[in-house]
Structure formats: C-alpha cells, structure tokens
Amino acid sequence: MNKNYFKLAVLPGDGIGPEVINESIKILDAISESFGYQFEYSYGLMGAEAIYKTGNPLPDETLKICKESDAVLFGAIGDPAFDNNPDAKVRPEQGLLRLRKELGLFANIRPLKTYPSLIEKSPLKREIIEGTDIQIFRELVSGIYFGEKYTDEEGQYAYDNCKYSREEIIPIVHMAFREAQKRRKKLTLVDKANVLDTSRLWRKICQEISAEYPDVTLDFMFVDNAAMQLILNPKQFDVIVTENMFGDIISDEASVIGGSIGLLPSASIGESNALFEPIHGSYPQAKGKGIANPIASILSTAMMLDYLHLEHAAHKLKESVEHAIENKYVTVDLNADLHYSTSEVGSFIADYIRYSEKSYYNFENVKLGKSTIV
C-alpha cells in the first residue's frame, strides 16, 4: 500500500455527529494539501439515521466499508426517540456495540489534558487540576455490556452477567503498560477486587504482566475510591487501565475536569482495525444550530493520524488546536461572551495548518475579539 494513500470510513451518525465530522474532513483536506497525503472517504450509515433508513443500526454495507478501510472516523450516536422508549427493540447504540465487536476494537483510549487558558472553565479549582495529563485505557468488547442478559416476562426479575477471560484482559494490559513506558511510568488498575471475581482476575493478570515492565510502577485502586481521587487529586494518575463498565463511568467523570466534554477525543483500537470518535454524545438539542464544539472530533482525527504513523501531521494538528484554544477562537461552551460557530472554529484550525502565522486570519484581531479576514 502506498504509505501516502489511506482509505477512511466516515460514519457521521446522529445529532451533531455530521456537523463535527464535517470539520474533521475539512481538517483532513488541509492536512492533505500541506503534507501531500491522499485520503479517500467512504461514507456509511450508523445509529438512528441507519434505523430510520434501513431498519438496522449497523447496515451490512457500513460494516463492509469499515472492514475495508485503514481507519474509521465516527461522529456520534443516539436519538431521544429511542432513549425515551424503553420498549424499543432496536436501538442506535446496538450499532456501535456490534461495530466494536465485529472490528475487534478491544481497547478504548481516552486522553485527558488540561489547557491553561481553559482551567477556569473547570468545576474544579485551578490548583487541583493544573497540569493534569491522563490516559485511560478501557476494555471495550467484553464484560457486563456483552454478557448474557435476561428479563422475565412479568418484568419482575432481570440480570446481566459480567464475564472476562485471560485472553480478553491480556492485550489491553500490555497496551497500557507500553503507553506508561512512554510517559511517567505509572499504571493504575481500577477495579473492585474486594467484591468481584472478575476484578480479582484482572488484578492477578496485571501483577503477572508487570514483571515484563520493571520500569513501570503498578498500583491498584478500587473504582469507588478512583472516582473520588479523580476529583480530589487527578494529577496523581498517569495511565489508568480498567474493565468495560468502570472505564465507561470513570472516563466520563474525567471528561469534565478539562472544562468541556467537547474537547475530549477517543480511539478504539484492535489488532487490525481502529475507530476514532469524540466522547461527547449526539447532543440532539444542538443539532443544526452551529454551536457544537468540533475540537473533540478534530483531536480524534489527530489520534487517527498518529495511528496511521503520520506523526508530523498529527503534531501540527494538535498544535493548531492549541493555537485556537489559546487565542480563544472557540465555541459557546468555552466562551459564552465571545464565541464562534462550529464551522468557523474548524476553518480557523484548518487555516492555521495551511499557513501557520502567515494565516489569512488576522491573529491580532482575533486576540482583540474580532474575526476579521485580511
């Protein structure tokens, strides 16, 4: 395969998904022009939009597109029509769960980094969060979300089984240890080993694997304490690894630390496939209003570029996002007094990728609260 040519599956999804994905494509077009890479986009339906059009939250054609691509760029999933209907048999989220399973996306990676100019947007105090930099590794295709489920006909009794095997735990633990080696060399397993057999298995396997990474300090924390420590002292964490449901909850809690869930990207990685998406939901109330924050989707695109070994392009993209944030060229969730639309923020970042300080945007005017193009 030509290392400058990449096939990308693009799944806009529901709600604000199409809007933020549009900005990611705008960014990729700027990357293509600046670095000489070629990106071929194949669009597919998924989620509520797919149900409305095909009756299936993950049509076979979409799955085929994903399996034949170098990476998948995904927007958002979810629709109030399904959320408010407990009797719905087919739901948008089923499409994403199936896609993760079909592509073998066993590891979900969620970075959390604070930006100096946005610290005041956080509900936590500056001295608590300043300098926070965490990578959360969540196992994605096993555990209680994929276990046997049952509800009796009378609706009086239900259960959800949580199962894990060594084969499901080992790959993500190795991945988390390798990431810790590149960073501050500390790995925390979040579990509930005082109660759950599955957690005790996780702990045993982490202890065994730690012998292969003598330079990394491994510690353990019960999930209830970890939830508290993320608020009291998030800077104590470097890399966190955990099972599916705990990871879902912990990573959403961590998302508010930086000041806006609209800033946080994610990657879901398998042996031969990968999907990149913002962690925010479909936010249907904002659909079509031009107020959605595209930065989480754009940073997910940066993670995709890293995955494709386009490190220089990824670095330039992250630099461009930081430039927009530091110059307060952001959406309403980050600046209620002076803000820009979803499309304007995407264009600003794309423009900086192309031209940097020679940009057509007058940066001095931006700093003064003007968006004059000269």
Protein backbone atom coordinates (compact mmCIF):
# COMPACT_ATOMS: atom_id res chain seq x y z
CA MET A 1 0.00 0.00 0.00
CA ASN A 2 1.20 3.49 -0.83
CA LYS A 3 2.05 4.99 2.55
CA ASN A 4 0.72 8.37 1.38
CA TYR A 5 -2.72 6.98 0.45
CA PHE A 6 -5.36 6.00 3.00
CA LYS A 7 -8.91 4.73 2.78
CA LEU A 8 -11.09 6.16 5.53
CA ALA A 9 -14.59 5.08 6.53
CA VAL A 10 -16.65 8.10 7.63
CA LEU A 11 -19.72 7.49 9.78
CA PRO A 12 -21.35 10.85 10.64
CA GLY A 13 -24.03 9.20 12.82
CA ASP A 14 -26.71 11.11 14.74
CA GLY A 15 -27.37 14.54 16.23
CA ILE A 16 -24.35 16.81 15.97
CA GLY A 17 -22.25 13.96 14.57
CA PRO A 18 -22.47 15.12 10.94
CA GLU A 19 -21.56 18.69 11.91
CA VAL A 20 -18.40 17.82 13.83
CA ILE A 21 -17.39 15.22 11.25
CA ASN A 22 -17.64 17.90 8.54
CA GLU A 23 -14.98 19.87 10.40
CA SER A 24 -12.74 16.83 10.74
CA ILE A 25 -12.96 16.28 6.98
CA LYS A 26 -12.12 19.97 6.48
CA ILE A 27 -9.04 19.41 8.65
CA LEU A 28 -8.02 16.28 6.76
CA ASP A 29 -8.28 18.17 3.48
CA ALA A 30 -5.91 20.79 4.92
CA ILE A 31 -3.53 18.04 6.07
CA SER A 32 -3.70 16.52 2.59
CA GLU A 33 -2.73 19.83 0.96
CA SER A 34 0.04 20.60 3.44
CA PHE A 35 1.67 17.17 3.75
CA GLY A 36 0.88 15.52 0.42
CA TYR A 37 -1.21 12.64 1.79
CA GLN A 38 -4.26 11.31 -0.01
CA PHE A 39 -7.42 10.41 1.89
CA GLU A 40 -10.26 8.57 0.19
CA TYR A 41 -13.55 8.91 2.11
CA SER A 42 -16.29 6.26 2.06
CA TYR A 43 -19.44 7.31 3.91
CA GLY A 44 -21.72 4.91 5.78
CA LEU A 45 -24.92 4.99 7.83
CA MET A 46 -24.96 4.07 11.51
CA GLY A 47 -27.18 4.65 14.52
CA ALA A 48 -30.64 6.21 14.50
CA GLU A 49 -30.21 7.53 10.96
CA ALA A 50 -29.46 4.00 9.80
CA ILE A 51 -32.52 2.63 11.65
CA TYR A 52 -34.79 5.22 10.03
CA LYS A 53 -33.48 4.43 6.56
CA THR A 54 -32.77 0.68 6.74
CA GLY A 55 -34.22 -0.66 9.99
CA ASN A 56 -30.70 -1.69 11.07
CA PRO A 57 -28.40 0.41 13.32
CA LEU A 58 -25.37 -1.08 11.53
CA PRO A 59 -26.17 -1.99 7.91
CA ASP A 60 -24.00 -4.65 6.27
CA GLU A 61 -22.76 -2.12 3.72
CA THR A 62 -21.44 0.12 6.51
CA LEU A 63 -19.66 -2.80 8.16
CA LYS A 64 -18.09 -3.72 4.82
CA ILE A 65 -16.84 -0.16 4.31
CA CYS A 66 -15.27 -0.17 7.79
CA LYS A 67 -13.53 -3.51 7.33
CA GLU A 68 -12.03 -2.38 4.02
CA SER A 69 -10.69 0.92 5.39
CA ASP A 70 -7.44 1.87 7.09
CA ALA A 71 -9.37 3.62 9.87
CA VAL A 72 -12.89 4.68 10.81
CA LEU A 73 -13.88 8.26 11.69
CA PHE A 74 -17.14 8.37 13.63
CA GLY A 75 -19.35 11.27 14.78
CA ALA A 76 -21.93 10.44 17.45
CA ILE A 77 -24.77 8.06 18.19
CA GLY A 78 -28.14 8.37 19.92
CA ASP A 79 -31.64 9.76 19.46
CA PRO A 80 -34.23 10.87 22.06
CA ALA A 81 -36.94 8.91 20.25
CA PHE A 82 -35.18 5.72 21.34
CA ASP A 83 -33.87 6.95 24.70
CA ASN A 84 -37.41 7.73 25.84
CA ASN A 85 -38.87 4.43 24.64
CA PRO A 86 -37.98 1.54 26.99
CA ASP A 87 -39.83 -0.91 24.74
CA ALA A 88 -37.73 -0.21 21.63
CA LYS A 89 -36.22 -3.50 20.45
CA VAL A 90 -33.75 -1.89 18.06
CA ARG A 91 -31.59 0.94 19.39
CA PRO A 92 -28.90 3.15 17.83
CA GLU A 93 -26.28 2.13 20.40
CA GLN A 94 -26.58 -1.50 19.30
CA GLY A 95 -24.90 -0.47 16.07
CA LEU A 96 -21.82 0.87 17.85
CA LEU A 97 -21.57 -2.13 20.19
CA ARG A 98 -21.76 -4.50 17.23
CA LEU A 99 -19.23 -2.48 15.25
CA ARG A 100 -16.74 -2.63 18.12
CA LYS A 101 -17.21 -6.40 18.35
CA GLU A 102 -17.05 -7.02 14.59
CA LEU A 103 -13.87 -4.96 14.22
CA GLY A 104 -12.30 -6.43 17.38
CA LEU A 105 -11.82 -2.99 18.94
CA PHE A 106 -10.76 -4.24 22.35
CA ALA A 107 -9.12 -1.05 23.68
CA ASN A 108 -10.72 2.36 24.11
CA ILE A 109 -8.18 5.11 24.77
CA ARG A 110 -9.28 8.43 26.21
CA PRO A 111 -6.69 11.15 26.86
CA LEU A 112 -7.41 13.94 29.31
CA LYS A 113 -5.27 17.06 29.19
CA THR A 114 -5.93 20.47 30.71
CA TYR A 115 -5.33 23.65 28.70
CA PRO A 116 -4.03 26.67 30.68
CA SER A 117 -6.49 29.14 29.12
CA LEU A 118 -9.49 26.90 29.93
CA ILE A 119 -8.74 25.96 33.51
CA GLU A 120 -11.27 28.46 34.82
CA LYS A 121 -13.98 26.59 32.87
CA SER A 122 -13.46 23.50 35.00
CA PRO A 123 -15.75 22.95 38.00
CA LEU A 124 -12.61 22.10 39.99
CA LYS A 125 -10.07 24.54 41.41
CA ARG A 126 -7.01 25.53 39.39
CA GLU A 127 -4.56 24.17 41.96
CA ILE A 128 -6.24 20.76 41.80
CA ILE A 129 -6.31 20.26 38.03
CA GLU A 130 -3.46 22.35 36.60
CA GLY A 131 -1.02 20.03 34.83
CA THR A 132 -3.42 17.06 34.69
CA ASP A 133 -2.46 14.65 31.90
CA ILE A 134 -4.08 11.19 31.98
CA GLN A 135 -4.55 8.34 29.52
CA ILE A 136 -7.46 5.99 30.28
CA PHE A 137 -7.47 2.52 28.73
CA ARG A 138 -10.91 0.90 28.83
CA GLU A 139 -11.54 -2.69 27.73
CA LEU A 140 -14.26 -2.40 25.13
CA VAL A 141 -15.68 -5.69 23.86
CA SER A 142 -16.30 -7.83 26.94
CA GLY A 143 -17.67 -7.55 30.45
CA ILE A 144 -21.19 -6.79 31.56
CA TYR A 145 -22.18 -4.91 28.39
CA PHE A 146 -21.66 -8.05 26.33
CA GLY A 147 -22.67 -10.69 28.88
CA GLU A 148 -25.88 -12.69 28.90
CA LYS A 149 -28.94 -10.57 29.67
CA TYR A 150 -32.37 -11.67 30.83
CA THR A 151 -35.67 -10.14 31.94
CA ASP A 152 -38.60 -12.36 32.88
CA GLU A 153 -41.90 -11.93 31.05
CA GLU A 154 -43.57 -10.26 34.02
CA GLY A 155 -40.80 -7.69 34.28
CA GLN A 156 -40.14 -8.60 37.91
CA TYR A 157 -36.65 -10.04 37.56
CA ALA A 158 -33.58 -9.32 35.44
CA TYR A 159 -29.86 -10.00 35.32
CA ASP A 160 -26.75 -9.01 33.38
CA ASN A 161 -23.74 -11.32 33.50
CA CYS A 162 -20.19 -9.98 33.66
CA LYS A 163 -17.56 -12.34 32.24
CA TYR A 164 -13.87 -11.97 31.45
CA SER A 165 -11.20 -14.37 30.23
CA ARG A 166 -7.42 -14.08 30.32
CA GLU A 167 -7.40 -13.70 26.54
CA GLU A 168 -9.67 -10.65 26.80
CA ILE A 169 -7.63 -8.94 29.51
CA ILE A 170 -4.02 -9.54 28.44
CA PRO A 171 -3.89 -7.42 25.22
CA ILE A 172 -5.16 -4.19 26.74
CA VAL A 173 -2.97 -4.57 29.82
CA HIS A 174 0.12 -4.85 27.62
CA MET A 175 -1.03 -1.83 25.63
CA ALA A 176 -1.46 0.22 28.81
CA PHE A 177 1.95 -0.80 30.16
CA ARG A 178 3.61 0.19 26.86
CA GLU A 179 1.91 3.58 26.99
CA ALA A 180 3.06 4.09 30.58
CA GLN A 181 6.64 3.39 29.49
CA LYS A 182 6.43 6.36 27.11
CA ARG A 183 5.03 8.65 29.77
CA ARG A 184 5.62 8.95 33.53
CA LYS A 185 5.94 5.19 34.06
CA LYS A 186 2.98 4.70 36.34
CA LEU A 187 -0.01 2.40 35.68
CA THR A 188 -3.11 2.21 37.87
CA LEU A 189 -5.56 -0.68 37.59
CA VAL A 190 -9.06 0.44 38.60
CA ASP A 191 -11.17 -2.50 39.81
CA LYS A 192 -13.44 -3.77 42.59
CA ALA A 193 -11.32 -6.73 43.67
CA ASN A 194 -12.72 -6.70 47.20
CA VAL A 195 -16.10 -7.81 45.81
CA LEU A 196 -15.88 -9.12 42.23
CA ASP A 197 -14.21 -12.27 40.92
CA THR A 198 -13.70 -10.63 37.52
CA SER A 199 -11.76 -7.82 39.20
CA ARG A 200 -9.60 -10.33 41.05
CA LEU A 201 -8.75 -11.93 37.71
CA TRP A 202 -7.80 -8.52 36.28
CA ARG A 203 -5.57 -7.86 39.30
CA LYS A 204 -3.85 -11.25 39.10
CA ILE A 205 -3.09 -10.82 35.37
CA CYS A 206 -1.79 -7.26 35.82
CA GLN A 207 0.57 -8.47 38.55
CA GLU A 208 1.87 -11.24 36.28
CA ILE A 209 2.41 -8.93 33.30
CA SER A 210 4.07 -6.23 35.40
CA ALA A 211 7.19 -8.43 35.60
CA GLU A 212 7.73 -7.70 31.90
CA TYR A 213 7.73 -3.95 32.56
CA PRO A 214 10.08 -3.43 35.54
CA ASP A 215 10.40 0.28 34.77
CA VAL A 216 6.66 0.87 35.29
CA THR A 217 5.14 1.20 38.76
CA LEU A 218 1.84 -0.70 39.02
CA ASP A 219 -0.72 0.20 41.64
CA PHE A 220 -4.35 -0.69 42.28
CA MET A 221 -7.39 1.36 43.22
CA PHE A 222 -10.99 0.36 43.88
CA VAL A 223 -13.34 2.06 41.45
CA ASP A 224 -15.28 3.97 44.12
CA ASN A 225 -12.04 5.41 45.51
CA ALA A 226 -10.77 6.15 41.99
CA ALA A 227 -13.93 8.14 41.27
CA MET A 228 -13.22 10.21 44.38
CA GLN A 229 -9.49 10.59 43.70
CA LEU A 230 -10.14 11.89 40.18
CA ILE A 231 -11.84 14.86 41.79
CA LEU A 232 -9.54 15.29 44.78
CA ASN A 233 -6.18 14.84 43.03
CA PRO A 234 -6.31 13.97 39.31
CA LYS A 235 -2.60 14.76 38.86
CA GLN A 236 -1.69 11.57 40.74
CA PHE A 237 -2.75 9.50 37.70
CA ASP A 238 -0.66 8.79 34.64
CA VAL A 239 -2.14 5.78 32.80
CA ILE A 240 -5.32 4.04 34.00
CA VAL A 241 -6.45 0.62 32.78
CA THR A 242 -9.82 -0.87 33.64
CA GLU A 243 -12.72 -3.07 32.55
CA ASN A 244 -15.59 -2.00 30.32
CA MET A 245 -18.26 -0.55 32.62
CA PHE A 246 -15.83 1.02 35.11
CA GLY A 247 -13.98 2.60 32.18
CA ASP A 248 -17.19 3.98 30.76
CA ILE A 249 -18.03 5.70 34.03
CA ILE A 250 -14.53 6.83 35.04
CA SER A 251 -13.72 8.33 31.64
CA ASP A 252 -16.97 10.30 31.57
CA GLU A 253 -16.24 11.62 35.04
CA ALA A 254 -12.74 12.62 33.95
CA SER A 255 -14.15 14.43 30.93
CA VAL A 256 -15.49 17.35 32.98
CA ILE A 257 -12.10 18.09 34.54
CA GLY A 258 -10.84 19.92 31.47
CA GLY A 259 -13.81 22.28 31.31
CA SER A 260 -15.83 20.83 28.44
CA ILE A 261 -16.71 17.36 27.22
CA GLY A 262 -16.48 18.91 23.75
CA LEU A 263 -12.68 18.81 23.98
CA LEU A 264 -12.09 15.12 24.51
CA PRO A 265 -11.24 12.62 21.78
CA SER A 266 -11.02 8.85 21.86
CA ALA A 267 -9.57 5.95 19.92
CA SER A 268 -10.85 2.37 19.83
CA ILE A 269 -8.07 0.04 18.72
CA GLY A 270 -7.99 -3.60 17.64
CA GLU A 271 -5.44 -5.92 16.08
CA SER A 272 -6.10 -4.66 12.54
CA ASN A 273 -8.85 -2.02 12.81
CA ALA A 274 -9.32 1.29 14.59
CA LEU A 275 -12.16 3.77 15.14
CA PHE A 276 -11.84 7.38 16.25
CA GLU A 277 -14.64 9.43 17.81
CA PRO A 278 -15.32 12.32 20.19
CA ILE A 279 -16.54 11.11 23.56
CA HIS A 280 -19.48 13.52 23.68
CA GLY A 281 -22.91 12.19 22.76
CA SER A 282 -25.16 13.17 19.90
CA TYR A 283 -26.38 16.32 21.77
CA PRO A 284 -29.65 16.48 19.78
CA GLN A 285 -30.63 19.83 21.34
CA ALA A 286 -27.74 21.48 19.46
CA LYS A 287 -28.34 19.81 16.10
CA GLY A 288 -28.28 22.27 13.22
CA LYS A 289 -27.53 25.31 15.39
CA GLY A 290 -23.83 25.61 14.64
CA ILE A 291 -22.91 25.61 18.33
CA ALA A 292 -21.38 22.13 18.67
CA ASN A 293 -17.72 22.10 19.69
CA PRO A 294 -15.76 20.33 16.89
CA ILE A 295 -12.48 20.11 18.81
CA ALA A 296 -13.11 16.64 20.28
CA SER A 297 -13.74 15.29 16.78
CA ILE A 298 -10.71 17.15 15.42
CA LEU A 299 -8.46 15.79 18.18
CA SER A 300 -9.85 12.31 17.46
CA THR A 301 -8.63 12.91 13.92
CA ALA A 302 -5.18 13.71 15.35
CA MET A 303 -5.24 10.37 17.18
CA MET A 304 -6.12 8.72 13.86
CA LEU A 305 -3.15 10.38 12.17
CA ASP A 306 -0.87 9.05 14.92
CA TYR A 307 -2.35 5.57 14.42
CA LEU A 308 -1.60 5.82 10.68
CA HIS A 309 2.01 6.78 11.56
CA LEU A 310 1.56 10.32 10.23
CA GLU A 311 3.13 11.76 13.37
CA HIS A 312 4.24 15.09 11.89
CA ALA A 313 0.74 15.79 10.61
CA ALA A 314 -0.76 14.77 13.98
CA HIS A 315 1.62 17.09 15.81
CA LYS A 316 0.75 20.00 13.52
CA LEU A 317 -2.95 19.37 14.05
CA LYS A 318 -2.62 19.32 17.84
CA GLU A 319 -0.52 22.49 17.70
CA SER A 320 -3.24 24.15 15.60
CA VAL A 321 -5.95 23.18 18.09
CA GLU A 322 -3.89 24.60 20.96
CA HIS A 323 -3.42 27.80 18.97
CA ALA A 324 -7.20 28.14 18.53
CA ILE A 325 -7.84 27.50 22.22
CA GLU A 326 -5.14 29.89 23.44
CA ASN A 327 -6.47 32.60 21.11
CA LYS A 328 -9.99 31.91 22.38
CA TYR A 329 -11.26 31.04 18.91
CA VAL A 330 -13.77 28.60 20.41
CA THR A 331 -17.45 27.68 20.54
CA VAL A 332 -20.00 28.91 23.07
CA ASP A 333 -19.38 26.12 25.60
CA LEU A 334 -15.89 27.52 26.16
CA ASN A 335 -16.63 31.24 25.88
CA ALA A 336 -20.18 32.46 26.40
CA ASP A 337 -19.27 36.12 25.86
CA LEU A 338 -17.36 35.84 22.60
CA HIS A 339 -17.70 32.69 20.56
CA TYR A 340 -17.62 31.30 17.05
CA SER A 341 -19.64 28.71 15.18
CA THR A 342 -18.74 25.06 14.68
CA SER A 343 -17.70 25.78 11.11
CA GLU A 344 -15.73 28.92 11.98
CA VAL A 345 -13.65 27.05 14.57
CA GLY A 346 -12.93 24.25 12.08
CA SER A 347 -11.95 26.76 9.40
CA PHE A 348 -9.64 28.60 11.79
CA ILE A 349 -7.80 25.40 12.68
CA ALA A 350 -7.61 24.24 9.05
CA ASP A 351 -6.29 27.66 8.03
CA TYR A 352 -3.56 27.52 10.68
CA ILE A 353 -2.48 24.09 9.43
CA ARG A 354 -2.05 25.54 5.95
CA TYR A 355 -0.44 28.86 6.79
CA SER A 356 0.50 28.99 10.49
CA GLU A 357 1.44 32.53 11.49
CA LYS A 358 1.07 33.69 7.88
CA SER A 359 -2.58 32.74 8.07
CA TYR A 360 -5.24 34.71 6.24
CA TYR A 361 -6.81 35.20 9.67
CA ASN A 362 -5.57 38.33 11.38
CA PHE A 363 -4.47 36.84 14.72
CA GLU A 364 -4.03 40.21 16.41
CA ASN A 365 -7.67 40.96 15.68
CA VAL A 366 -8.67 37.56 16.97
CA LYS A 367 -6.97 38.34 20.25
CA LEU A 368 -8.94 41.56 20.40
CA GLY A 369 -12.16 39.67 19.88
CA LYS A 370 -12.52 40.25 16.14
CA SER A 371 -12.58 37.65 13.41
CA THR A 372 -11.57 39.88 10.51
CA ILE A 373 -10.06 38.14 7.50
CA VAL A 374 -7.43 40.26 5.76
